[in-house]
Amino acid sequence: MTINLNHMNAFFVSREILSRANPEKARVLRSYFKTGKGQYAEGDKMLGVSMPQLRDIVKSRPEFALDEIQTLLDSEYHEVRMSGFLFLVRQFKKSKDEAERKSIFDFYLKNIRRANNWDLVDASCRDIVGSYLLVREELREVLHRLAESQNLWEQRTAIVSTWVFIKHGQFEDTLTLARRFFSHKHDLIHKATGWMLRELGKKDRRVLRDFLGKHSCDMPRTALRYAIEHFAPSERSYFMRLDRGE
């Protein structure tokens, strides 16, 4: 690694992550996160460093300037990029300054394709994109633009970011995006859509039942299974039969 003297904090974080590399675990992670030829994360480099280890490293460091976080996000290593997103989430959560929060939100969107696997998306988008847009309904068109992207990770960011809205009883964006993704071809979007519908059901089971009553026949089966996971067995069977048109 070339050392930029202006980015020493990022260098030391990267070096510490590299020092904890576990080749055997990295081999397992390469399979789990589909980094093989033709797979959705083809060519990504795994070090085999766990999320608890990464969180400990981030927790032990002070806040970083965005240009240092950029250095982490530009890394070829999955876990180093994850540390960059964890720093960004921490700083967004701690900030009470609206200008700073907007700066972090804009920086995240600029680097959104550095979150190029589902764990990177899920660990960061809710706490930054979802939280920023929670009280800015006029800006939520951002999510719908991401949903229209041809990039899988931008699409997943769109639906998973609505988790924050769900927690505050706001369901419209989740339901709109869920309908949009019924025709999506990738299982990772089906899973994310079903996950968000399941979270909505925890908040308001009636709304989810009504939605499934209208749309379960049109949903990918994976999304439907995720959405009804917490239903009673008899109710799960009912909606799965609807899915088959019975």
C-alpha atoms as a PDB file:
ATOM      1  CA  MET A   1       0.000   0.000   0.000  1.00  0.00           C
ATOM      2  CA  THR A   2       1.264   3.445  -0.947  1.00  0.00           C
ATOM      3  CA  ILE A   3       1.259   5.766   2.069  1.00  0.00           C
ATOM      4  CA  ASN A   4      -0.307   9.195   1.626  1.00  0.00           C
ATOM      5  CA  LEU A   5       1.023  11.221   4.549  1.00  0.00           C
ATOM      6  CA  ASN A   6      -2.248  13.154   4.648  1.00  0.00           C
ATOM      7  CA  HIS A   7      -4.138   9.911   5.130  1.00  0.00           C
ATOM      8  CA  MET A   8      -2.191   8.238   7.921  1.00  0.00           C
ATOM      9  CA  ASN A   9      -5.306   7.355   9.934  1.00  0.00           C
ATOM     10  CA  ALA A  10      -6.732   5.432   6.985  1.00  0.00           C
ATOM     11  CA  PHE A  11      -3.367   3.761   6.449  1.00  0.00           C
ATOM     12  CA  PHE A  12      -3.174   2.538  10.038  1.00  0.00           C
ATOM     13  CA  VAL A  13      -6.756   1.248   9.979  1.00  0.00           C
ATOM     14  CA  SER A  14      -6.084  -0.617   6.731  1.00  0.00           C
ATOM     15  CA  ARG A  15      -2.867  -2.047   8.149  1.00  0.00           C
ATOM     16  CA  GLU A  16      -4.630  -3.252  11.305  1.00  0.00           C
ATOM     17  CA  ILE A  17      -7.365  -4.940   9.269  1.00  0.00           C
ATOM     18  CA  LEU A  18      -4.766  -6.601   7.043  1.00  0.00           C
ATOM     19  CA  SER A  19      -2.894  -7.827  10.133  1.00  0.00           C
ATOM     20  CA  ARG A  20      -6.007  -9.719  11.239  1.00  0.00           C
ATOM     21  CA  ALA A  21      -6.463 -11.526   7.928  1.00  0.00           C
ATOM     22  CA  ASN A  22      -7.572 -15.139   8.237  1.00  0.00           C
ATOM     23  CA  PRO A  23      -6.969 -17.003   4.945  1.00  0.00           C
ATOM     24  CA  GLU A  24      -9.184 -19.952   5.835  1.00  0.00           C
ATOM     25  CA  LYS A  25     -12.103 -17.734   6.813  1.00  0.00           C
ATOM     26  CA  ALA A  26     -11.486 -15.614   3.720  1.00  0.00           C
ATOM     27  CA  ARG A  27     -11.923 -18.708   1.569  1.00  0.00           C
ATOM     28  CA  VAL A  28     -15.298 -19.404   3.196  1.00  0.00           C
ATOM     29  CA  LEU A  29     -16.378 -15.775   2.805  1.00  0.00           C
ATOM     30  CA  ARG A  30     -15.445 -15.712  -0.872  1.00  0.00           C
ATOM     31  CA  SER A  31     -17.920 -18.528  -1.385  1.00  0.00           C
ATOM     32  CA  TYR A  32     -20.583 -17.060   0.906  1.00  0.00           C
ATOM     33  CA  PHE A  33     -20.457 -13.610  -0.698  1.00  0.00           C
ATOM     34  CA  LYS A  34     -20.358 -15.009  -4.245  1.00  0.00           C
ATOM     35  CA  THR A  35     -17.044 -13.616  -5.481  1.00  0.00           C
ATOM     36  CA  GLY A  36     -16.476 -16.291  -8.124  1.00  0.00           C
ATOM     37  CA  LYS A  37     -16.495 -15.827 -11.880  1.00  0.00           C
ATOM     38  CA  GLY A  38     -19.934 -14.779 -13.117  1.00  0.00           C
ATOM     39  CA  GLN A  39     -21.287 -14.277  -9.589  1.00  0.00           C
ATOM     40  CA  TYR A  40     -22.682 -11.016  -8.237  1.00  0.00           C
ATOM     41  CA  ALA A  41     -19.474 -10.026  -6.404  1.00  0.00           C
ATOM     42  CA  GLU A  42     -17.001 -11.396  -8.918  1.00  0.00           C
ATOM     43  CA  GLY A  43     -13.408 -10.606  -8.024  1.00  0.00           C
ATOM     44  CA  ASP A  44     -13.981  -9.009  -4.623  1.00  0.00           C
ATOM     45  CA  LYS A  45     -11.096  -9.664  -2.254  1.00  0.00           C
ATOM     46  CA  MET A  46     -11.855 -11.014   1.216  1.00  0.00           C
ATOM     47  CA  LEU A  47      -9.454 -10.962   4.152  1.00  0.00           C
ATOM     48  CA  GLY A  48     -11.485 -13.081   6.565  1.00  0.00           C
ATOM     49  CA  VAL A  49     -11.901 -10.370   9.230  1.00  0.00           C
ATOM     50  CA  SER A  50     -15.182 -10.559  11.163  1.00  0.00           C
ATOM     51  CA  MET A  51     -17.701  -7.763  11.700  1.00  0.00           C
ATOM     52  CA  PRO A  52     -17.082  -7.702  15.483  1.00  0.00           C
ATOM     53  CA  GLN A  53     -13.374  -7.232  14.801  1.00  0.00           C
ATOM     54  CA  LEU A  54     -14.085  -4.430  12.328  1.00  0.00           C
ATOM     55  CA  ARG A  55     -16.453  -2.699  14.738  1.00  0.00           C
ATOM     56  CA  ASP A  56     -13.815  -2.869  17.478  1.00  0.00           C
ATOM     57  CA  ILE A  57     -11.239  -1.292  15.174  1.00  0.00           C
ATOM     58  CA  VAL A  58     -13.600   1.524  14.197  1.00  0.00           C
ATOM     59  CA  LYS A  59     -14.694   2.076  17.798  1.00  0.00           C
ATOM     60  CA  SER A  60     -11.080   2.485  18.925  1.00  0.00           C
ATOM     61  CA  ARG A  61     -10.364   5.273  16.423  1.00  0.00           C
ATOM     62  CA  PRO A  62     -11.311   8.970  16.409  1.00  0.00           C
ATOM     63  CA  GLU A  63     -13.524  10.526  13.768  1.00  0.00           C
ATOM     64  CA  PHE A  64     -12.003  10.723  10.298  1.00  0.00           C
ATOM     65  CA  ALA A  65     -12.180  13.411   7.657  1.00  0.00           C
ATOM     66  CA  LEU A  66     -14.198  12.370   4.630  1.00  0.00           C
ATOM     67  CA  ASP A  67     -11.105  12.215   2.436  1.00  0.00           C
ATOM     68  CA  GLU A  68      -9.635   9.601   4.772  1.00  0.00           C
ATOM     69  CA  ILE A  69     -12.862   7.620   4.660  1.00  0.00           C
ATOM     70  CA  GLN A  70     -12.646   7.893   0.882  1.00  0.00           C
ATOM     71  CA  THR A  71      -9.283   6.135   1.053  1.00  0.00           C
ATOM     72  CA  LEU A  72     -10.904   3.256   2.941  1.00  0.00           C
ATOM     73  CA  LEU A  73     -13.847   3.063   0.524  1.00  0.00           C
ATOM     74  CA  ASP A  74     -11.455   2.926  -2.423  1.00  0.00           C
ATOM     75  CA  SER A  75      -9.711  -0.166  -1.057  1.00  0.00           C
ATOM     76  CA  GLU A  76      -9.650  -3.386  -3.050  1.00  0.00           C
ATOM     77  CA  TYR A  77     -10.431  -5.275   0.168  1.00  0.00           C
ATOM     78  CA  HIS A  78     -14.018  -5.873   1.197  1.00  0.00           C
ATOM     79  CA  GLU A  79     -13.383  -5.506   4.926  1.00  0.00           C
ATOM     80  CA  VAL A  80     -11.471  -2.240   4.520  1.00  0.00           C
ATOM     81  CA  ARG A  81     -14.381  -0.795   2.541  1.00  0.00           C
ATOM     82  CA  MET A  82     -16.717  -2.008   5.282  1.00  0.00           C
ATOM     83  CA  SER A  83     -14.652  -0.119   7.873  1.00  0.00           C
ATOM     84  CA  GLY A  84     -15.071   3.043   5.786  1.00  0.00           C
ATOM     85  CA  PHE A  85     -18.835   2.664   5.810  1.00  0.00           C
ATOM     86  CA  LEU A  86     -18.826   1.944   9.554  1.00  0.00           C
ATOM     87  CA  PHE A  87     -16.875   5.156  10.172  1.00  0.00           C
ATOM     88  CA  LEU A  88     -19.365   7.030   8.024  1.00  0.00           C
ATOM     89  CA  VAL A  89     -22.359   5.597   9.907  1.00  0.00           C
ATOM     90  CA  ARG A  90     -20.821   6.428  13.270  1.00  0.00           C
ATOM     91  CA  GLN A  91     -20.124  10.007  12.270  1.00  0.00           C
ATOM     92  CA  PHE A  92     -23.586  10.485  10.806  1.00  0.00           C
ATOM     93  CA  LYS A  93     -25.227   9.195  13.985  1.00  0.00           C
ATOM     94  CA  LYS A  94     -23.098  11.388  16.241  1.00  0.00           C
ATOM     95  CA  SER A  95     -23.533  14.588  14.253  1.00  0.00           C
ATOM     96  CA  LYS A  96     -26.170  17.112  15.323  1.00  0.00           C
ATOM     97  CA  ASP A  97     -25.164  19.555  12.623  1.00  0.00           C
ATOM     98  CA  GLU A  98     -27.515  19.504   9.648  1.00  0.00           C
ATOM     99  CA  ALA A  99     -24.878  20.736   7.211  1.00  0.00           C
ATOM    100  CA  GLU A 100     -22.529  17.957   8.278  1.00  0.00           C
ATOM    101  CA  ARG A 101     -25.271  15.335   8.006  1.00  0.00           C
ATOM    102  CA  LYS A 102     -26.105  16.525   4.509  1.00  0.00           C
ATOM    103  CA  SER A 103     -22.416  16.390   3.604  1.00  0.00           C
ATOM    104  CA  ILE A 104     -22.219  12.777   4.803  1.00  0.00           C
ATOM    105  CA  PHE A 105     -25.438  11.873   2.948  1.00  0.00           C
ATOM    106  CA  ASP A 106     -24.120  13.400  -0.284  1.00  0.00           C
ATOM    107  CA  PHE A 107     -20.744  11.695   0.203  1.00  0.00           C
ATOM    108  CA  TYR A 108     -22.495   8.356   0.691  1.00  0.00           C
ATOM    109  CA  LEU A 109     -24.476   8.742  -2.521  1.00  0.00           C
ATOM    110  CA  LYS A 110     -21.298   9.679  -4.384  1.00  0.00           C
ATOM    111  CA  ASN A 111     -19.705   6.435  -3.140  1.00  0.00           C
ATOM    112  CA  ILE A 112     -22.788   4.263  -3.280  1.00  0.00           C
ATOM    113  CA  ARG A 113     -21.240   1.777  -5.696  1.00  0.00           C
ATOM    114  CA  ARG A 114     -18.413   1.125  -3.258  1.00  0.00           C
ATOM    115  CA  ALA A 115     -21.086  -0.679  -1.225  1.00  0.00           C
ATOM    116  CA  ASN A 116     -20.935  -3.487  -3.742  1.00  0.00           C
ATOM    117  CA  ASN A 117     -22.288  -6.396  -1.740  1.00  0.00           C
ATOM    118  CA  TRP A 118     -25.410  -6.890   0.335  1.00  0.00           C
ATOM    119  CA  ASP A 119     -23.639  -6.699   3.710  1.00  0.00           C
ATOM    120  CA  LEU A 120     -22.036  -3.364   2.842  1.00  0.00           C
ATOM    121  CA  VAL A 121     -25.420  -2.017   1.757  1.00  0.00           C
ATOM    122  CA  ASP A 122     -27.313  -3.323   4.776  1.00  0.00           C
ATOM    123  CA  ALA A 123     -24.730  -2.109   7.305  1.00  0.00           C
ATOM    124  CA  SER A 124     -24.836   1.464   6.052  1.00  0.00           C
ATOM    125  CA  CYS A 125     -27.809   2.595   3.990  1.00  0.00           C
ATOM    126  CA  ARG A 126     -30.478   2.488   6.705  1.00  0.00           C
ATOM    127  CA  ASP A 127     -28.484   4.616   9.120  1.00  0.00           C
ATOM    128  CA  ILE A 128     -27.453   7.203   6.539  1.00  0.00           C
ATOM    129  CA  VAL A 129     -29.866   7.296   3.600  1.00  0.00           C
ATOM    130  CA  GLY A 130     -32.941   6.152   5.510  1.00  0.00           C
ATOM    131  CA  SER A 131     -32.263   8.348   8.529  1.00  0.00           C
ATOM    132  CA  TYR A 132     -31.520  11.429   6.433  1.00  0.00           C
ATOM    133  CA  LEU A 133     -34.676  11.051   4.345  1.00  0.00           C
ATOM    134  CA  LEU A 134     -36.942  10.230   7.289  1.00  0.00           C
ATOM    135  CA  VAL A 135     -37.912  13.877   7.816  1.00  0.00           C
ATOM    136  CA  ARG A 136     -37.283  14.938   4.219  1.00  0.00           C
ATOM    137  CA  GLU A 137     -40.124  13.394   2.278  1.00  0.00           C
ATOM    138  CA  GLU A 138     -39.576  15.876  -0.536  1.00  0.00           C
ATOM    139  CA  LEU A 139     -36.190  14.224  -1.228  1.00  0.00           C
ATOM    140  CA  ARG A 140     -37.339  10.606  -1.243  1.00  0.00           C
ATOM    141  CA  GLU A 141     -37.437  10.575  -5.016  1.00  0.00           C
ATOM    142  CA  VAL A 142     -33.759   9.690  -4.561  1.00  0.00           C
ATOM    143  CA  LEU A 143     -34.873   6.197  -3.533  1.00  0.00           C
ATOM    144  CA  HIS A 144     -37.067   5.786  -6.583  1.00  0.00           C
ATOM    145  CA  ARG A 145     -34.235   6.888  -8.860  1.00  0.00           C
ATOM    146  CA  LEU A 146     -31.989   4.304  -7.219  1.00  0.00           C
ATOM    147  CA  ALA A 147     -34.697   1.678  -7.747  1.00  0.00           C
ATOM    148  CA  GLU A 148     -34.704   2.486 -11.467  1.00  0.00           C
ATOM    149  CA  SER A 149     -30.934   2.014 -11.680  1.00  0.00           C
ATOM    150  CA  GLN A 150     -29.470  -0.986 -13.450  1.00  0.00           C
ATOM    151  CA  ASN A 151     -27.113  -1.472 -10.494  1.00  0.00           C
ATOM    152  CA  LEU A 152     -28.151  -4.236  -8.100  1.00  0.00           C
ATOM    153  CA  TRP A 153     -26.678  -2.537  -5.045  1.00  0.00           C
ATOM    154  CA  GLU A 154     -28.356   0.806  -5.710  1.00  0.00           C
ATOM    155  CA  GLN A 155     -31.650  -1.050  -6.057  1.00  0.00           C
ATOM    156  CA  ARG A 156     -31.094  -2.870  -2.767  1.00  0.00           C
ATOM    157  CA  THR A 157     -30.174   0.440  -1.113  1.00  0.00           C
ATOM    158  CA  ALA A 158     -33.523   1.858  -2.218  1.00  0.00           C
ATOM    159  CA  ILE A 159     -35.683  -0.791  -0.548  1.00  0.00           C
ATOM    160  CA  VAL A 160     -33.544  -1.439   2.553  1.00  0.00           C
ATOM    161  CA  SER A 161     -33.314   2.289   3.362  1.00  0.00           C
ATOM    162  CA  THR A 162     -37.086   2.312   3.937  1.00  0.00           C
ATOM    163  CA  TRP A 163     -36.553   0.266   7.109  1.00  0.00           C
ATOM    164  CA  VAL A 164     -36.239   3.566   9.011  1.00  0.00           C
ATOM    165  CA  PHE A 165     -39.554   4.822   7.621  1.00  0.00           C
ATOM    166  CA  ILE A 166     -41.252   1.587   8.664  1.00  0.00           C
ATOM    167  CA  LYS A 167     -40.024   1.991  12.237  1.00  0.00           C
ATOM    168  CA  HIS A 168     -41.777   5.374  12.285  1.00  0.00           C
ATOM    169  CA  GLY A 169     -45.038   4.053  10.837  1.00  0.00           C
ATOM    170  CA  GLN A 170     -44.437   5.349   7.292  1.00  0.00           C
ATOM    171  CA  PHE A 171     -45.174   2.570   4.793  1.00  0.00           C
ATOM    172  CA  GLU A 172     -45.906   4.159   1.421  1.00  0.00           C
ATOM    173  CA  ASP A 173     -42.362   4.104   0.031  1.00  0.00           C
ATOM    174  CA  THR A 174     -41.800   0.498   1.086  1.00  0.00           C
ATOM    175  CA  LEU A 175     -45.016  -0.675  -0.557  1.00  0.00           C
ATOM    176  CA  THR A 176     -44.381   1.313  -3.733  1.00  0.00           C
ATOM    177  CA  LEU A 177     -40.851  -0.055  -4.086  1.00  0.00           C
ATOM    178  CA  ALA A 178     -41.993  -3.581  -3.241  1.00  0.00           C
ATOM    179  CA  ARG A 179     -44.481  -3.488  -6.125  1.00  0.00           C
ATOM    180  CA  ARG A 180     -41.792  -2.121  -8.415  1.00  0.00           C
ATOM    181  CA  PHE A 181     -39.506  -5.046  -7.569  1.00  0.00           C
ATOM    182  CA  PHE A 182     -42.060  -7.820  -8.144  1.00  0.00           C
ATOM    183  CA  SER A 183     -40.656  -8.286 -11.637  1.00  0.00           C
ATOM    184  CA  HIS A 184     -37.014  -8.067 -10.593  1.00  0.00           C
ATOM    185  CA  LYS A 185     -34.933 -11.054 -11.617  1.00  0.00           C
ATOM    186  CA  HIS A 186     -32.423 -11.198  -8.748  1.00  0.00           C
ATOM    187  CA  ASP A 187     -32.946 -13.191  -5.565  1.00  0.00           C
ATOM    188  CA  LEU A 188     -31.120 -10.576  -3.462  1.00  0.00           C
ATOM    189  CA  ILE A 189     -33.815  -8.027  -4.310  1.00  0.00           C
ATOM    190  CA  HIS A 190     -36.576 -10.559  -3.615  1.00  0.00           C
ATOM    191  CA  LYS A 191     -35.053 -11.248  -0.189  1.00  0.00           C
ATOM    192  CA  ALA A 192     -34.651  -7.560   0.641  1.00  0.00           C
ATOM    193  CA  THR A 193     -38.220  -6.817  -0.447  1.00  0.00           C
ATOM    194  CA  GLY A 194     -39.625  -9.654   1.631  1.00  0.00           C
ATOM    195  CA  TRP A 195     -37.509  -8.578   4.592  1.00  0.00           C
ATOM    196  CA  MET A 196     -38.882  -5.027   4.485  1.00  0.00           C
ATOM    197  CA  LEU A 197     -42.448  -6.306   4.152  1.00  0.00           C
ATOM    198  CA  ARG A 198     -41.857  -8.562   7.158  1.00  0.00           C
ATOM    199  CA  GLU A 199     -40.613  -5.534   9.137  1.00  0.00           C
ATOM    200  CA  LEU A 200     -43.712  -3.623   8.069  1.00  0.00           C
ATOM    201  CA  GLY A 201     -45.816  -6.523   9.344  1.00  0.00           C
ATOM    202  CA  LYS A 202     -44.191  -6.267  12.763  1.00  0.00           C
ATOM    203  CA  LYS A 203     -45.370  -2.668  12.901  1.00  0.00           C
ATOM    204  CA  ASP A 204     -48.837  -3.149  11.401  1.00  0.00           C
ATOM    205  CA  ARG A 205     -49.933  -6.685  10.551  1.00  0.00           C
ATOM    206  CA  ARG A 206     -53.210  -5.460   9.051  1.00  0.00           C
ATOM    207  CA  VAL A 207     -51.440  -3.350   6.433  1.00  0.00           C
ATOM    208  CA  LEU A 208     -49.260  -6.292   5.428  1.00  0.00           C
ATOM    209  CA  ARG A 209     -52.226  -8.681   5.243  1.00  0.00           C
ATOM    210  CA  ASP A 210     -54.129  -6.250   3.038  1.00  0.00           C
ATOM    211  CA  PHE A 211     -51.101  -5.823   0.775  1.00  0.00           C
ATOM    212  CA  LEU A 212     -50.554  -9.571   0.472  1.00  0.00           C
ATOM    213  CA  GLY A 213     -54.236 -10.165  -0.171  1.00  0.00           C
ATOM    214  CA  LYS A 214     -53.961  -7.940  -3.242  1.00  0.00           C
ATOM    215  CA  HIS A 215     -50.484  -8.818  -4.431  1.00  0.00           C
ATOM    216  CA  SER A 216     -49.260 -12.207  -3.182  1.00  0.00           C
ATOM    217  CA  CYS A 217     -50.062 -13.808  -6.544  1.00  0.00           C
ATOM    218  CA  ASP A 218     -47.716 -11.343  -8.252  1.00  0.00           C
ATOM    219  CA  MET A 219     -44.832 -11.608  -5.808  1.00  0.00           C
ATOM    220  CA  PRO A 220     -41.698 -13.723  -6.219  1.00  0.00           C
ATOM    221  CA  ARG A 221     -42.055 -16.712  -3.914  1.00  0.00           C
ATOM    222  CA  THR A 222     -38.845 -15.834  -2.061  1.00  0.00           C
ATOM    223  CA  ALA A 223     -40.194 -12.371  -1.234  1.00  0.00           C
ATOM    224  CA  LEU A 224     -43.495 -13.857  -0.120  1.00  0.00           C
ATOM    225  CA  ARG A 225     -41.829 -16.433   2.129  1.00  0.00           C
ATOM    226  CA  TYR A 226     -39.744 -13.738   3.795  1.00  0.00           C
ATOM    227  CA  ALA A 227     -42.786 -11.474   4.231  1.00  0.00           C
ATOM    228  CA  ILE A 228     -44.920 -14.110   5.977  1.00  0.00           C
ATOM    229  CA  GLU A 229     -42.173 -15.662   8.082  1.00  0.00           C
ATOM    230  CA  HIS A 230     -43.732 -14.503  11.366  1.00  0.00           C
ATOM    231  CA  PHE A 231     -47.298 -15.494  10.482  1.00  0.00           C
ATOM    232  CA  ALA A 232     -48.968 -18.503  12.057  1.00  0.00           C
ATOM    233  CA  PRO A 233     -48.535 -21.721  10.033  1.00  0.00           C
ATOM    234  CA  SER A 234     -52.160 -21.700   8.894  1.00  0.00           C
ATOM    235  CA  GLU A 235     -51.884 -18.124   7.660  1.00  0.00           C
ATOM    236  CA  ARG A 236     -48.595 -18.849   5.881  1.00  0.00           C
ATOM    237  CA  SER A 237     -50.273 -21.766   4.116  1.00  0.00           C
ATOM    238  CA  TYR A 238     -53.184 -19.547   3.108  1.00  0.00           C
ATOM    239  CA  PHE A 239     -50.978 -16.948   1.437  1.00  0.00           C
ATOM    240  CA  MET A 240     -48.799 -19.579  -0.220  1.00  0.00           C
ATOM    241  CA  ARG A 241     -51.953 -21.140  -1.702  1.00  0.00           C
ATOM    242  CA  LEU A 242     -53.044 -17.726  -2.948  1.00  0.00           C
ATOM    243  CA  ASP A 243     -49.651 -17.462  -4.610  1.00  0.00           C
ATOM    244  CA  ARG A 244     -50.484 -20.631  -6.563  1.00  0.00           C
ATOM    245  CA  GLY A 245     -53.942 -19.333  -7.429  1.00  0.00           C
ATOM    246  CA  GLU A 246     -55.731 -21.938  -5.313  1.00  0.00           C
END
